[in-house]
Amino acid sequence: MLDEVRRTVEHCTQMDVHPRHPYGGDLVYTSFSGSHQDALKKAFEARDAEAAAAGVSSDELIWALTQADVRQRMAAGGSVIVASRPEAFRSFVQAEIDRWAKAVKASGAKLD
């Protein structure tokens, strides 16, 4: 369904979705393998080690990243913060699909 919405939005706006755009870009479907998997594994291990060193769980570390003051300081340093659980991500994507589906329907756009 998201692919259909993306195609409709691209058609209506005459703008391509960047291949690396979250949720809708073509490279979102690219699977991680080899060194990518190793890098992700190391990142999760580092996160868990940092949480343990701070005396908190990984969940508490994720919670900290949801706090406004922490987000502001990190954003000021150029960080893009993504701190959520799979359920939250799933809800976000569904909300985006619902939102864009309404916009596309309201526009009367049709695929060629």
N, C-alpha and C. Protein backbone atom coordinates (compact mmCIF):
# COMPACT_ATOMS: atom_id res chain seq x y z
N MET A 1 0.82 -1.20 0.00
CA MET A 1 0.00 0.00 0.00
C MET A 1 0.86 1.27 0.00
N LEU A 2 1.95 1.25 0.78
CA LEU A 2 2.81 2.42 0.83
C LEU A 2 3.42 2.71 -0.54
N ASP A 3 3.73 1.67 -1.30
CA ASP A 3 4.27 1.90 -2.64
C ASP A 3 3.26 2.63 -3.52
N GLU A 4 1.99 2.28 -3.40
CA GLU A 4 0.95 2.94 -4.18
C GLU A 4 0.84 4.41 -3.79
N VAL A 5 0.87 4.67 -2.50
CA VAL A 5 0.79 6.05 -2.03
C VAL A 5 1.99 6.83 -2.54
N ARG A 6 3.18 6.23 -2.43
CA ARG A 6 4.39 6.92 -2.89
C ARG A 6 4.29 7.26 -4.38
N ARG A 7 3.86 6.29 -5.19
CA ARG A 7 3.75 6.55 -6.63
C ARG A 7 2.75 7.68 -6.90
N THR A 8 1.64 7.69 -6.18
CA THR A 8 0.63 8.73 -6.38
C THR A 8 1.17 10.09 -5.99
N VAL A 9 1.86 10.15 -4.85
CA VAL A 9 2.44 11.42 -4.39
C VAL A 9 3.49 11.90 -5.40
N GLU A 10 4.32 10.98 -5.88
CA GLU A 10 5.33 11.37 -6.88
C GLU A 10 4.66 11.90 -8.14
N HIS A 11 3.60 11.24 -8.56
CA HIS A 11 2.90 11.67 -9.77
C HIS A 11 2.28 13.07 -9.57
N CYS A 12 1.62 13.25 -8.42
CA CYS A 12 0.92 14.52 -8.17
C CYS A 12 1.90 15.69 -8.00
N THR A 13 3.00 15.42 -7.36
CA THR A 13 3.95 16.51 -7.08
C THR A 13 5.03 16.65 -8.15
N GLN A 14 5.13 15.63 -9.01
CA GLN A 14 6.19 15.60 -10.03
C GLN A 14 7.57 15.64 -9.38
N MET A 15 7.66 15.07 -8.17
CA MET A 15 8.92 14.99 -7.44
C MET A 15 9.16 13.54 -7.04
N ASP A 16 10.40 13.08 -7.21
CA ASP A 16 10.75 11.72 -6.81
C ASP A 16 11.03 11.65 -5.32
N VAL A 17 10.67 10.53 -4.72
CA VAL A 17 11.03 10.27 -3.33
C VAL A 17 12.49 9.81 -3.35
N HIS A 18 13.31 10.41 -2.52
CA HIS A 18 14.73 10.04 -2.46
C HIS A 18 14.85 8.55 -2.11
N PRO A 19 15.75 7.83 -2.77
CA PRO A 19 15.88 6.39 -2.52
C PRO A 19 16.16 6.04 -1.06
N ARG A 20 16.78 6.93 -0.32
CA ARG A 20 17.09 6.64 1.07
C ARG A 20 16.09 7.26 2.05
N HIS A 21 14.98 7.79 1.53
CA HIS A 21 13.98 8.40 2.41
C HIS A 21 13.37 7.31 3.30
N PRO A 22 13.28 7.59 4.60
CA PRO A 22 12.69 6.59 5.50
C PRO A 22 11.27 6.22 5.08
N TYR A 23 10.94 4.98 5.19
CA TYR A 23 9.61 4.41 4.97
C TYR A 23 9.22 4.29 3.51
N GLY A 24 9.62 5.20 2.65
CA GLY A 24 9.13 5.17 1.28
C GLY A 24 10.17 5.03 0.20
N GLY A 25 11.43 5.23 0.52
CA GLY A 25 12.48 5.16 -0.50
C GLY A 25 12.74 3.73 -0.95
N ASP A 26 13.20 3.59 -2.18
CA ASP A 26 13.47 2.25 -2.72
C ASP A 26 14.48 1.47 -1.90
N LEU A 27 15.47 2.16 -1.32
CA LEU A 27 16.51 1.45 -0.58
C LEU A 27 16.07 1.04 0.82
N VAL A 28 14.85 1.43 1.20
CA VAL A 28 14.32 0.98 2.49
C VAL A 28 14.21 -0.54 2.48
N TYR A 29 13.96 -1.10 1.31
CA TYR A 29 13.77 -2.54 1.21
C TYR A 29 15.07 -3.31 1.04
N THR A 30 16.18 -2.58 0.96
CA THR A 30 17.47 -3.23 0.80
C THR A 30 17.82 -3.97 2.09
N SER A 31 18.14 -5.22 1.95
CA SER A 31 18.45 -6.00 3.16
C SER A 31 19.89 -5.74 3.59
N PHE A 32 20.11 -5.86 4.88
CA PHE A 32 21.43 -5.71 5.43
C PHE A 32 22.11 -7.08 5.42
N SER A 33 23.35 -7.10 5.04
CA SER A 33 24.07 -8.37 5.05
C SER A 33 25.54 -8.10 5.36
N GLY A 34 26.22 -9.15 5.75
CA GLY A 34 27.66 -9.08 5.97
C GLY A 34 28.06 -7.99 6.93
N SER A 35 28.86 -7.04 6.44
CA SER A 35 29.40 -5.99 7.30
C SER A 35 28.30 -5.11 7.90
N HIS A 36 27.18 -4.95 7.17
CA HIS A 36 26.07 -4.16 7.72
C HIS A 36 25.50 -4.83 8.96
N GLN A 37 25.30 -6.14 8.87
CA GLN A 37 24.77 -6.87 10.03
C GLN A 37 25.74 -6.77 11.20
N ASP A 38 27.02 -6.88 10.90
CA ASP A 38 28.03 -6.79 11.95
C ASP A 38 28.02 -5.40 12.59
N ALA A 39 27.89 -4.38 11.77
CA ALA A 39 27.86 -3.01 12.30
C ALA A 39 26.63 -2.80 13.18
N LEU A 40 25.49 -3.30 12.75
CA LEU A 40 24.28 -3.17 13.56
C LEU A 40 24.42 -3.92 14.88
N LYS A 41 24.97 -5.12 14.81
CA LYS A 41 25.17 -5.92 16.03
C LYS A 41 26.08 -5.17 17.00
N LYS A 42 27.16 -4.61 16.48
CA LYS A 42 28.09 -3.86 17.32
C LYS A 42 27.43 -2.62 17.91
N ALA A 43 26.58 -1.96 17.13
CA ALA A 43 25.89 -0.77 17.63
C ALA A 43 24.96 -1.12 18.78
N PHE A 44 24.22 -2.22 18.64
CA PHE A 44 23.33 -2.64 19.72
C PHE A 44 24.12 -3.07 20.95
N GLU A 45 25.24 -3.74 20.73
CA GLU A 45 26.08 -4.14 21.86
C GLU A 45 26.64 -2.91 22.57
N ALA A 46 27.05 -1.91 21.78
CA ALA A 46 27.58 -0.68 22.37
C ALA A 46 26.50 0.05 23.17
N ARG A 47 25.29 0.08 22.61
CA ARG A 47 24.18 0.72 23.34
C ARG A 47 23.94 0.01 24.68
N ASP A 48 23.92 -1.32 24.65
CA ASP A 48 23.70 -2.08 25.87
C ASP A 48 24.84 -1.88 26.87
N ALA A 49 26.07 -1.79 26.36
CA ALA A 49 27.22 -1.58 27.24
C ALA A 49 27.17 -0.19 27.86
N GLU A 50 26.80 0.83 27.06
CA GLU A 50 26.68 2.19 27.59
C GLU A 50 25.60 2.27 28.66
N ALA A 51 24.50 1.59 28.42
CA ALA A 51 23.42 1.58 29.41
C ALA A 51 23.88 0.90 30.69
N ALA A 52 24.57 -0.23 30.55
CA ALA A 52 25.06 -0.95 31.72
C ALA A 52 26.07 -0.10 32.50
N ALA A 53 26.95 0.59 31.77
CA ALA A 53 27.95 1.45 32.43
C ALA A 53 27.28 2.59 33.19
N ALA A 54 26.14 3.04 32.67
CA ALA A 54 25.41 4.12 33.34
C ALA A 54 24.50 3.58 34.44
N GLY A 55 24.45 2.26 34.54
CA GLY A 55 23.62 1.65 35.58
C GLY A 55 22.13 1.66 35.26
N VAL A 56 21.81 1.68 33.96
CA VAL A 56 20.40 1.67 33.54
C VAL A 56 20.20 0.59 32.49
N SER A 57 18.94 0.27 32.22
CA SER A 57 18.65 -0.70 31.17
C SER A 57 18.62 0.00 29.82
N SER A 58 18.65 -0.78 28.75
CA SER A 58 18.54 -0.19 27.41
C SER A 58 17.21 0.53 27.25
N ASP A 59 16.15 -0.01 27.86
CA ASP A 59 14.85 0.65 27.80
C ASP A 59 14.90 2.03 28.45
N GLU A 60 15.61 2.15 29.56
CA GLU A 60 15.73 3.44 30.23
C GLU A 60 16.54 4.41 29.38
N LEU A 61 17.55 3.89 28.67
CA LEU A 61 18.34 4.72 27.79
C LEU A 61 17.47 5.25 26.65
N ILE A 62 16.64 4.38 26.10
CA ILE A 62 15.72 4.80 25.04
C ILE A 62 14.76 5.85 25.59
N TRP A 63 14.24 5.63 26.81
CA TRP A 63 13.34 6.60 27.44
C TRP A 63 14.03 7.96 27.56
N ALA A 64 15.28 7.95 27.95
CA ALA A 64 16.01 9.21 28.11
C ALA A 64 16.04 9.99 26.79
N LEU A 65 16.12 9.27 25.69
CA LEU A 65 16.18 9.93 24.38
C LEU A 65 14.84 10.52 23.96
N THR A 66 13.79 10.23 24.72
CA THR A 66 12.49 10.82 24.42
C THR A 66 12.28 12.12 25.18
N GLN A 67 13.17 12.46 26.08
CA GLN A 67 13.03 13.65 26.90
C GLN A 67 13.42 14.91 26.12
N ALA A 68 12.61 15.95 26.25
CA ALA A 68 12.79 17.16 25.46
C ALA A 68 14.17 17.79 25.63
N ASP A 69 14.66 17.88 26.87
CA ASP A 69 15.95 18.53 27.07
C ASP A 69 17.08 17.73 26.43
N VAL A 70 17.00 16.42 26.50
CA VAL A 70 18.03 15.56 25.88
C VAL A 70 17.96 15.70 24.37
N ARG A 71 16.76 15.68 23.83
CA ARG A 71 16.58 15.80 22.38
C ARG A 71 17.11 17.14 21.87
N GLN A 72 16.83 18.21 22.62
CA GLN A 72 17.29 19.54 22.21
C GLN A 72 18.81 19.61 22.20
N ARG A 73 19.44 19.08 23.24
CA ARG A 73 20.91 19.11 23.29
C ARG A 73 21.52 18.28 22.17
N MET A 74 20.94 17.12 21.92
CA MET A 74 21.48 16.27 20.86
C MET A 74 21.23 16.90 19.49
N ALA A 75 20.06 17.48 19.27
CA ALA A 75 19.76 18.14 18.00
C ALA A 75 20.70 19.31 17.76
N ALA A 76 21.02 20.04 18.83
CA ALA A 76 21.95 21.16 18.72
C ALA A 76 23.33 20.68 18.27
N GLY A 77 23.65 19.45 18.62
CA GLY A 77 24.92 18.87 18.20
C GLY A 77 24.86 18.19 16.84
N GLY A 78 23.70 18.26 16.18
CA GLY A 78 23.56 17.70 14.84
C GLY A 78 23.05 16.27 14.80
N SER A 79 22.61 15.73 15.93
CA SER A 79 22.11 14.36 15.95
C SER A 79 20.65 14.29 15.52
N VAL A 80 20.31 13.20 14.86
CA VAL A 80 18.92 12.89 14.54
C VAL A 80 18.54 11.74 15.46
N ILE A 81 17.54 11.94 16.28
CA ILE A 81 17.22 10.98 17.32
C ILE A 81 16.06 10.10 16.89
N VAL A 82 16.29 8.81 16.97
CA VAL A 82 15.25 7.82 16.73
C VAL A 82 15.28 6.89 17.92
N ALA A 83 14.28 6.99 18.75
CA ALA A 83 14.21 6.16 19.95
C ALA A 83 12.81 5.62 20.09
N SER A 84 12.59 4.43 19.59
CA SER A 84 11.27 3.84 19.69
C SER A 84 11.38 2.33 19.65
N ARG A 85 10.29 1.71 19.95
CA ARG A 85 10.17 0.26 19.90
C ARG A 85 9.48 -0.12 18.60
N PRO A 86 9.57 -1.37 18.19
CA PRO A 86 8.91 -1.79 16.94
C PRO A 86 7.42 -1.46 16.90
N GLU A 87 6.74 -1.57 18.05
CA GLU A 87 5.30 -1.27 18.08
C GLU A 87 5.06 0.20 17.75
N ALA A 88 5.89 1.07 18.30
CA ALA A 88 5.75 2.50 18.04
C ALA A 88 6.04 2.81 16.57
N PHE A 89 7.05 2.16 16.01
CA PHE A 89 7.38 2.34 14.60
C PHE A 89 6.22 1.89 13.73
N ARG A 90 5.66 0.74 14.05
CA ARG A 90 4.53 0.20 13.29
C ARG A 90 3.35 1.19 13.34
N SER A 91 3.07 1.73 14.51
CA SER A 91 1.98 2.71 14.65
C SER A 91 2.25 3.97 13.84
N PHE A 92 3.50 4.42 13.86
CA PHE A 92 3.87 5.61 13.11
C PHE A 92 3.66 5.38 11.61
N VAL A 93 4.14 4.25 11.11
CA VAL A 93 4.00 3.96 9.68
C VAL A 93 2.53 3.87 9.30
N GLN A 94 1.71 3.21 10.12
CA GLN A 94 0.28 3.09 9.82
C GLN A 94 -0.37 4.47 9.82
N ALA A 95 0.00 5.33 10.76
CA ALA A 95 -0.55 6.68 10.80
C ALA A 95 -0.17 7.46 9.54
N GLU A 96 1.08 7.29 9.08
CA GLU A 96 1.52 7.96 7.86
C GLU A 96 0.75 7.45 6.65
N ILE A 97 0.54 6.14 6.58
CA ILE A 97 -0.24 5.57 5.48
C ILE A 97 -1.65 6.14 5.50
N ASP A 98 -2.28 6.15 6.67
CA ASP A 98 -3.63 6.68 6.79
C ASP A 98 -3.68 8.15 6.38
N ARG A 99 -2.70 8.93 6.86
CA ARG A 99 -2.68 10.36 6.56
C ARG A 99 -2.52 10.61 5.06
N TRP A 100 -1.55 9.94 4.44
CA TRP A 100 -1.31 10.17 3.02
C TRP A 100 -2.40 9.58 2.15
N ALA A 101 -3.01 8.48 2.58
CA ALA A 101 -4.11 7.90 1.81
C ALA A 101 -5.27 8.89 1.74
N LYS A 102 -5.55 9.57 2.86
CA LYS A 102 -6.61 10.59 2.86
C LYS A 102 -6.25 11.73 1.92
N ALA A 103 -5.01 12.15 1.95
CA ALA A 103 -4.58 13.27 1.09
C ALA A 103 -4.68 12.88 -0.38
N VAL A 104 -4.25 11.69 -0.70
CA VAL A 104 -4.30 11.24 -2.09
C VAL A 104 -5.76 11.10 -2.54
N LYS A 105 -6.59 10.52 -1.70
CA LYS A 105 -8.00 10.35 -2.05
C LYS A 105 -8.66 11.71 -2.24
N ALA A 106 -8.40 12.65 -1.32
CA ALA A 106 -8.99 13.97 -1.40
C ALA A 106 -8.55 14.72 -2.66
N SER A 107 -7.33 14.42 -3.13
CA SER A 107 -6.82 15.11 -4.32
C SER A 107 -7.46 14.61 -5.61
N GLY A 108 -8.06 13.41 -5.54
CA GLY A 108 -8.66 12.84 -6.73
C GLY A 108 -7.62 12.29 -7.70
N ALA A 109 -6.38 12.16 -7.25
CA ALA A 109 -5.30 11.68 -8.12
C ALA A 109 -5.55 10.25 -8.55
N LYS A 110 -5.17 9.94 -9.76
CA LYS A 110 -5.29 8.60 -10.33
C LYS A 110 -3.94 8.18 -10.90
N LEU A 111 -3.63 6.91 -10.77
CA LEU A 111 -2.40 6.39 -11.37
C LEU A 111 -2.59 6.25 -12.87
N ASP A 112 -1.55 6.57 -13.62
CA ASP A 112 -1.63 6.42 -15.08
C ASP A 112 -1.47 4.98 -15.47
